[in-house]
C-alpha atoms as a PDB file:
ATOM      1  CA  MET A   1       0.000   0.000   0.000  1.00  0.00           C
ATOM      2  CA  LYS A   2       2.815   2.408   0.795  1.00  0.00           C
ATOM      3  CA  LYS A   3       4.459   1.658  -2.546  1.00  0.00           C
ATOM      4  CA  ILE A   4       1.237   2.381  -4.431  1.00  0.00           C
ATOM      5  CA  VAL A   5       0.694   5.704  -2.699  1.00  0.00           C
ATOM      6  CA  PHE A   6       4.311   6.704  -3.350  1.00  0.00           C
ATOM      7  CA  GLY A   7       3.966   5.773  -6.996  1.00  0.00           C
ATOM      8  CA  ILE A   8       0.835   7.886  -7.381  1.00  0.00           C
ATOM      9  CA  GLY A   9       2.634  10.805  -5.762  1.00  0.00           C
ATOM     10  CA  ILE A  10       5.425  10.566  -8.315  1.00  0.00           C
ATOM     11  CA  VAL A  11       2.942  10.476 -11.197  1.00  0.00           C
ATOM     12  CA  LEU A  12       1.098  13.517  -9.870  1.00  0.00           C
ATOM     13  CA  ALA A  13       4.370  15.399  -9.442  1.00  0.00           C
ATOM     14  CA  VAL A  14       5.369  14.621 -13.040  1.00  0.00           C
ATOM     15  CA  LEU A  15       1.965  15.706 -14.317  1.00  0.00           C
ATOM     16  CA  ALA A  16       2.231  18.935 -12.353  1.00  0.00           C
ATOM     17  CA  VAL A  17       5.603  19.705 -13.938  1.00  0.00           C
ATOM     18  CA  LEU A  18       4.371  18.897 -17.430  1.00  0.00           C
ATOM     19  CA  ALA A  19       1.264  21.037 -16.950  1.00  0.00           C
ATOM     20  CA  ALA A  20       3.211  24.148 -15.878  1.00  0.00           C
ATOM     21  CA  PRO A  21       3.156  26.816 -18.659  1.00  0.00           C
ATOM     22  CA  ALA A  22       6.442  27.883 -20.227  1.00  0.00           C
ATOM     23  CA  ALA A  23       7.665  31.377 -19.381  1.00  0.00           C
ATOM     24  CA  ALA A  24       7.098  33.884 -22.181  1.00  0.00           C
ATOM     25  CA  ASP A  25      10.076  35.549 -23.849  1.00  0.00           C
ATOM     26  CA  TYR A  26      10.332  39.305 -23.405  1.00  0.00           C
ATOM     27  CA  ASN A  27      12.393  42.350 -24.373  1.00  0.00           C
ATOM     28  CA  ILE A  28      11.277  45.550 -22.653  1.00  0.00           C
ATOM     29  CA  PHE A  29      12.937  48.890 -23.431  1.00  0.00           C
ATOM     30  CA  HIS A  30      12.491  51.456 -20.675  1.00  0.00           C
ATOM     31  CA  LEU A  31      13.980  54.543 -19.017  1.00  0.00           C
ATOM     32  CA  VAL A  32      15.302  54.892 -15.467  1.00  0.00           C
ATOM     33  CA  PRO A  33      13.818  57.059 -14.145  1.00  0.00           C
ATOM     34  CA  GLU A  34      10.804  56.866 -16.446  1.00  0.00           C
ATOM     35  CA  ASP A  35       9.862  60.490 -15.728  1.00  0.00           C
ATOM     36  CA  SER A  36      12.519  63.118 -15.021  1.00  0.00           C
ATOM     37  CA  SER A  37      12.678  66.869 -14.478  1.00  0.00           C
ATOM     38  CA  CYS A  38      14.925  69.820 -13.682  1.00  0.00           C
ATOM     39  CA  SER A  39      14.993  73.619 -14.027  1.00  0.00           C
ATOM     40  CA  PRO A  40      16.147  75.667 -17.046  1.00  0.00           C
ATOM     41  CA  GLY A  41      19.911  75.472 -17.502  1.00  0.00           C
ATOM     42  CA  GLU A  42      20.207  72.352 -15.326  1.00  0.00           C
ATOM     43  CA  ASN A  43      20.960  68.732 -16.288  1.00  0.00           C
ATOM     44  CA  VAL A  44      19.573  65.364 -15.263  1.00  0.00           C
ATOM     45  CA  THR A  45      20.724  61.847 -16.231  1.00  0.00           C
ATOM     46  CA  VAL A  46      18.435  59.076 -17.485  1.00  0.00           C
ATOM     47  CA  TRP A  47      19.397  55.462 -18.253  1.00  0.00           C
ATOM     48  CA  VAL A  48      18.210  53.713 -21.424  1.00  0.00           C
ATOM     49  CA  LYS A  49      17.831  49.997 -20.645  1.00  0.00           C
ATOM     50  CA  VAL A  50      16.395  46.788 -22.048  1.00  0.00           C
ATOM     51  CA  ASN A  51      15.196  43.968 -19.813  1.00  0.00           C
ATOM     52  CA  THR A  52      15.467  40.667 -21.700  1.00  0.00           C
ATOM     53  CA  SER A  53      14.774  37.001 -21.083  1.00  0.00           C
ATOM     54  CA  TYR A  54      17.291  35.942 -23.754  1.00  0.00           C
ATOM     55  CA  ASN A  55      20.818  34.812 -22.853  1.00  0.00           C
ATOM     56  CA  ASP A  56      22.462  35.365 -26.244  1.00  0.00           C
ATOM     57  CA  ILE A  57      21.962  39.063 -27.062  1.00  0.00           C
ATOM     58  CA  ASN A  58      24.733  40.465 -29.257  1.00  0.00           C
ATOM     59  CA  ALA A  59      23.181  43.709 -30.534  1.00  0.00           C
ATOM     60  CA  ALA A  60      20.701  46.310 -29.345  1.00  0.00           C
ATOM     61  CA  GLN A  61      19.730  49.798 -30.408  1.00  0.00           C
ATOM     62  CA  ALA A  62      17.216  52.459 -29.447  1.00  0.00           C
ATOM     63  CA  GLY A  63      15.972  55.734 -30.862  1.00  0.00           C
ATOM     64  CA  ILE A  64      14.202  58.224 -28.599  1.00  0.00           C
ATOM     65  CA  ILE A  65      12.248  61.185 -30.000  1.00  0.00           C
ATOM     66  CA  PHE A  66      12.176  64.421 -27.949  1.00  0.00           C
ATOM     67  CA  ASP A  67      11.149  68.072 -28.231  1.00  0.00           C
ATOM     68  CA  PRO A  68      14.331  70.192 -28.549  1.00  0.00           C
ATOM     69  CA  SER A  69      12.504  73.361 -27.511  1.00  0.00           C
ATOM     70  CA  VAL A  70      12.100  71.773 -24.052  1.00  0.00           C
ATOM     71  CA  VAL A  71      15.070  69.413 -23.681  1.00  0.00           C
ATOM     72  CA  ASN A  72      18.311  68.546 -25.414  1.00  0.00           C
ATOM     73  CA  VAL A  73      20.457  65.381 -25.220  1.00  0.00           C
ATOM     74  CA  THR A  74      23.984  66.706 -24.723  1.00  0.00           C
ATOM     75  CA  LEU A  75      25.805  63.454 -23.878  1.00  0.00           C
ATOM     76  CA  VAL A  76      25.298  59.684 -23.809  1.00  0.00           C
ATOM     77  CA  GLU A  77      27.720  57.448 -21.896  1.00  0.00           C
ATOM     78  CA  LYS A  78      28.208  53.701 -22.379  1.00  0.00           C
ATOM     79  CA  GLY A  79      26.800  51.449 -19.681  1.00  0.00           C
ATOM     80  CA  THR A  80      27.262  47.732 -19.017  1.00  0.00           C
ATOM     81  CA  PRO A  81      27.926  45.335 -20.597  1.00  0.00           C
ATOM     82  CA  ASP A  82      31.045  46.754 -22.231  1.00  0.00           C
ATOM     83  CA  TRP A  83      29.786  46.539 -25.822  1.00  0.00           C
ATOM     84  CA  TYR A  84      32.577  46.021 -28.387  1.00  0.00           C
ATOM     85  CA  LEU A  85      30.971  48.526 -30.797  1.00  0.00           C
ATOM     86  CA  TRP A  86      28.984  51.409 -29.370  1.00  0.00           C
ATOM     87  CA  ASP A  87      28.012  54.905 -30.511  1.00  0.00           C
ATOM     88  CA  TRP A  88      25.321  57.565 -30.276  1.00  0.00           C
ATOM     89  CA  GLN A  89      24.098  60.470 -32.388  1.00  0.00           C
ATOM     90  CA  VAL A  90      21.300  63.057 -32.457  1.00  0.00           C
ATOM     91  CA  TYR A  91      19.237  63.475 -35.634  1.00  0.00           C
ATOM     92  CA  ASP A  92      16.506  65.857 -36.790  1.00  0.00           C
ATOM     93  CA  TYR A  93      12.999  64.394 -36.911  1.00  0.00           C
ATOM     94  CA  GLY A  94      10.511  66.536 -38.787  1.00  0.00           C
ATOM     95  CA  ALA A  95      10.233  70.281 -38.331  1.00  0.00           C
ATOM     96  CA  ASP A  96      10.127  70.466 -34.548  1.00  0.00           C
ATOM     97  CA  LYS A  97      11.492  67.182 -33.149  1.00  0.00           C
ATOM     98  CA  LYS A  98      14.800  65.406 -32.784  1.00  0.00           C
ATOM     99  CA  TYR A  99      15.803  61.924 -31.736  1.00  0.00           C
ATOM    100  CA  VAL A 100      18.861  60.415 -30.144  1.00  0.00           C
ATOM    101  CA  PHE A 101      20.019  57.073 -31.551  1.00  0.00           C
ATOM    102  CA  ILE A 102      22.122  54.667 -29.461  1.00  0.00           C
ATOM    103  CA  GLY A 103      23.598  51.566 -31.087  1.00  0.00           C
ATOM    104  CA  ALA A 104      25.511  48.690 -29.479  1.00  0.00           C
ATOM    105  CA  SER A 105      26.842  45.380 -30.789  1.00  0.00           C
ATOM    106  CA  ASP A 106      29.410  42.754 -29.912  1.00  0.00           C
ATOM    107  CA  LEU A 107      30.950  40.288 -32.368  1.00  0.00           C
ATOM    108  CA  LEU A 108      32.708  38.232 -29.699  1.00  0.00           C
ATOM    109  CA  ASN A 109      30.284  38.012 -26.775  1.00  0.00           C
ATOM    110  CA  THR A 110      26.603  37.563 -26.005  1.00  0.00           C
ATOM    111  CA  TYR A 111      24.714  38.943 -23.005  1.00  0.00           C
ATOM    112  CA  GLY A 112      21.616  38.365 -20.909  1.00  0.00           C
ATOM    113  CA  PRO A 113      19.281  37.490 -19.448  1.00  0.00           C
ATOM    114  CA  GLY A 114      18.377  40.463 -17.267  1.00  0.00           C
ATOM    115  CA  GLU A 115      18.893  44.198 -17.472  1.00  0.00           C
ATOM    116  CA  LEU A 116      21.249  45.522 -20.172  1.00  0.00           C
ATOM    117  CA  GLU A 117      22.288  49.180 -20.245  1.00  0.00           C
ATOM    118  CA  LEU A 118      22.391  50.875 -23.642  1.00  0.00           C
ATOM    119  CA  GLY A 119      23.556  54.224 -22.299  1.00  0.00           C
ATOM    120  CA  LYS A 120      23.176  57.017 -19.768  1.00  0.00           C
ATOM    121  CA  MET A 121      21.739  60.188 -21.322  1.00  0.00           C
ATOM    122  CA  THR A 122      22.414  63.683 -20.023  1.00  0.00           C
ATOM    123  CA  LEU A 123      19.263  65.754 -20.550  1.00  0.00           C
ATOM    124  CA  HIS A 124      19.614  69.550 -20.544  1.00  0.00           C
ATOM    125  CA  CYS A 125      16.568  71.658 -19.643  1.00  0.00           C
ATOM    126  CA  GLU A 126      16.130  74.282 -22.387  1.00  0.00           C
ATOM    127  CA  ALA A 127      12.822  76.037 -21.579  1.00  0.00           C
ATOM    128  CA  PRO A 128       9.756  75.351 -19.411  1.00  0.00           C
ATOM    129  CA  GLY A 129       7.510  72.643 -20.830  1.00  0.00           C
ATOM    130  CA  ILE A 130       6.963  68.893 -21.059  1.00  0.00           C
ATOM    131  CA  SER A 131       8.530  66.624 -23.676  1.00  0.00           C
ATOM    132  CA  SER A 132       7.726  62.982 -24.279  1.00  0.00           C
ATOM    133  CA  LEU A 133      10.695  60.598 -24.528  1.00  0.00           C
ATOM    134  CA  HIS A 134       9.297  58.249 -27.147  1.00  0.00           C
ATOM    135  CA  PHE A 135      11.036  55.076 -28.342  1.00  0.00           C
ATOM    136  CA  THR A 136      11.106  54.986 -32.150  1.00  0.00           C
ATOM    137  CA  ASN A 137       9.615  52.270 -34.357  1.00  0.00           C
ATOM    138  CA  GLU A 138      10.369  51.294 -37.941  1.00  0.00           C
ATOM    139  CA  SER A 139       7.585  53.395 -39.491  1.00  0.00           C
ATOM    140  CA  GLU A 140       9.083  56.501 -37.871  1.00  0.00           C
ATOM    141  CA  VAL A 141      12.846  56.247 -38.470  1.00  0.00           C
ATOM    142  CA  GLY A 142      13.453  53.121 -40.557  1.00  0.00           C
ATOM    143  CA  ASN A 143      16.658  51.276 -39.622  1.00  0.00           C
ATOM    144  CA  ARG A 144      17.280  53.553 -36.634  1.00  0.00           C
ATOM    145  CA  ARG A 145      14.319  51.944 -34.905  1.00  0.00           C
ATOM    146  CA  THR A 146      14.395  50.396 -31.434  1.00  0.00           C
ATOM    147  CA  GLU A 147      15.334  46.710 -31.723  1.00  0.00           C
ATOM    148  CA  ILE A 148      17.330  43.860 -30.237  1.00  0.00           C
ATOM    149  CA  SER A 149      19.131  40.940 -31.918  1.00  0.00           C
ATOM    150  CA  HIS A 150      20.940  37.665 -31.288  1.00  0.00           C
ATOM    151  CA  PRO A 151      23.086  35.457 -33.586  1.00  0.00           C
ATOM    152  CA  GLY A 152      19.937  34.105 -35.247  1.00  0.00           C
ATOM    153  CA  GLY A 153      18.829  37.577 -36.346  1.00  0.00           C
ATOM    154  CA  VAL A 154      16.498  40.334 -35.160  1.00  0.00           C
ATOM    155  CA  ILE A 155      14.382  39.232 -32.216  1.00  0.00           C
ATOM    156  CA  CYS A 156      12.080  42.255 -32.213  1.00  0.00           C
ATOM    157  CA  GLY A 157      11.927  45.737 -33.670  1.00  0.00           C
ATOM    158  CA  GLN A 158      10.715  45.152 -37.217  1.00  0.00           C
ATOM    159  CA  ALA A 159       7.223  46.084 -38.426  1.00  0.00           C
ATOM    160  CA  GLY A 160       4.691  43.630 -37.052  1.00  0.00           C
ATOM    161  CA  ASN A 161       7.146  42.383 -34.433  1.00  0.00           C
ATOM    162  CA  GLU A 162       7.974  45.421 -32.359  1.00  0.00           C
ATOM    163  CA  CYS A 163       9.625  45.238 -28.957  1.00  0.00           C
ATOM    164  CA  THR A 164       7.799  46.302 -25.842  1.00  0.00           C
ATOM    165  CA  MET A 165       8.672  49.969 -25.327  1.00  0.00           C
ATOM    166  CA  GLU A 166       7.783  52.014 -22.240  1.00  0.00           C
ATOM    167  CA  ASP A 167       8.016  55.722 -23.082  1.00  0.00           C
ATOM    168  CA  GLY A 168       8.886  58.391 -20.533  1.00  0.00           C
ATOM    169  CA  THR A 169       8.590  62.147 -20.105  1.00  0.00           C
ATOM    170  CA  PHE A 170      10.891  65.035 -19.273  1.00  0.00           C
ATOM    171  CA  THR A 171       9.619  68.202 -17.568  1.00  0.00           C
ATOM    172  CA  CYS A 172      11.543  71.454 -17.701  1.00  0.00           C
ATOM    173  CA  MET A 173      10.171  73.292 -14.691  1.00  0.00           C
ATOM    174  CA  ALA A 174       9.400  77.010 -14.740  1.00  0.00           C
ATOM    175  CA  PRO A 175      11.698  79.148 -12.556  1.00  0.00           C
ATOM    176  CA  GLN A 176      10.323  79.678  -9.081  1.00  0.00           C
ATOM    177  CA  GLU A 177       9.439  83.271  -8.236  1.00  0.00           C
ATOM    178  CA  THR A 178      10.685  84.505  -4.860  1.00  0.00           C
ATOM    179  CA  PHE A 179       9.922  87.528  -2.686  1.00  0.00           C
ATOM    180  CA  SER A 180      11.636  88.813   0.452  1.00  0.00           C
ATOM    181  CA  LYS A 181      10.690  91.632   2.829  1.00  0.00           C
ATOM    182  CA  ASP A 182      11.942  92.762   6.203  1.00  0.00           C
ATOM    183  CA  LEU A 183       9.293  92.466   8.934  1.00  0.00           C
ATOM    184  CA  VAL A 184       8.975  94.261  12.261  1.00  0.00           C
ATOM    185  CA  GLU A 185       8.410  92.442  15.506  1.00  0.00           C
ATOM    186  CA  GLY A 186       4.763  91.579  16.066  1.00  0.00           C
ATOM    187  CA  TRP A 187       1.957  91.255  13.508  1.00  0.00           C
ATOM    188  CA  ASN A 188       2.603  92.310   9.905  1.00  0.00           C
ATOM    189  CA  LEU A 189       0.071  92.684   7.103  1.00  0.00           C
ATOM    190  CA  ILE A 190       1.731  91.992   3.746  1.00  0.00           C
ATOM    191  CA  SER A 191       0.818  91.012   0.182  1.00  0.00           C
ATOM    192  CA  LEU A 192       2.997  89.140  -2.306  1.00  0.00           C
ATOM    193  CA  PRO A 193       3.852  90.998  -5.548  1.00  0.00           C
ATOM    194  CA  LEU A 194       3.773  87.777  -7.585  1.00  0.00           C
ATOM    195  CA  TYR A 195       1.701  86.851 -10.617  1.00  0.00           C
ATOM    196  CA  ASN A 196      -1.408  84.798  -9.936  1.00  0.00           C
ATOM    197  CA  ALA A 197      -3.300  83.027 -12.689  1.00  0.00           C
ATOM    198  CA  THR A 198      -6.560  83.805 -10.871  1.00  0.00           C
ATOM    199  CA  ASP A 199      -8.154  87.223 -11.381  1.00  0.00           C
ATOM    200  CA  MET A 200      -7.672  88.726  -7.919  1.00  0.00           C
ATOM    201  CA  THR A 201      -9.817  91.828  -8.377  1.00  0.00           C
ATOM    202  CA  VAL A 202     -12.478  92.507  -5.754  1.00  0.00           C
ATOM    203  CA  ALA A 203     -15.220  92.108  -8.364  1.00  0.00           C
ATOM    204  CA  ASN A 204     -14.003  88.629  -9.313  1.00  0.00           C
ATOM    205  CA  ILE A 205     -13.289  87.416  -5.796  1.00  0.00           C
ATOM    206  CA  MET A 206     -16.718  88.581  -4.541  1.00  0.00           C
ATOM    207  CA  SER A 207     -18.652  87.534  -7.666  1.00  0.00           C
ATOM    208  CA  SER A 208     -20.160  84.509  -5.930  1.00  0.00           C
ATOM    209  CA  VAL A 209     -21.578  86.639  -3.106  1.00  0.00           C
ATOM    210  CA  SER A 210     -25.111  87.818  -3.848  1.00  0.00           C
END
């Protein structure tokens, strides 16, 4: 009886293993941090990364479209792994956009699985506003699209087989207005000489009072 029960347990364990679904392959391009910000004239750094389930990656590239009136990419530094071939460049995209292209490949080594760094971008705040940081696809920039490859060819990035891409945003914050005034000891009645988007006239403030 003990042998029969043990045998059934083994069969059930095998069935449970066979019934378990296989893990899905993935390649997810993303930014760290996803959303970034700083004030005009300042810089902030943002990593461009791909999280992959493959263990034989030998090439990856990404294009990211941005609004140059809000932000500019002034530098991109190589991350890890130490890609054998690596470069970056900024290109015009239409009348009012640009995109930064980062390309990496290695003829001698393969990498993964896990997080691979394509590069660390330095973003310079040009003028107050918000710019999307949008990963490019083939219909937008052709061969400078976002893709990833292994020795067997392109894994994802071509039309109809695009990689998973998580866009980000950059916010160039408006300068903060400040006001200082010397006060005397005790109570002081003051007003702030700063712009307010609300109409602060008496007529407007009291308009709800019948």
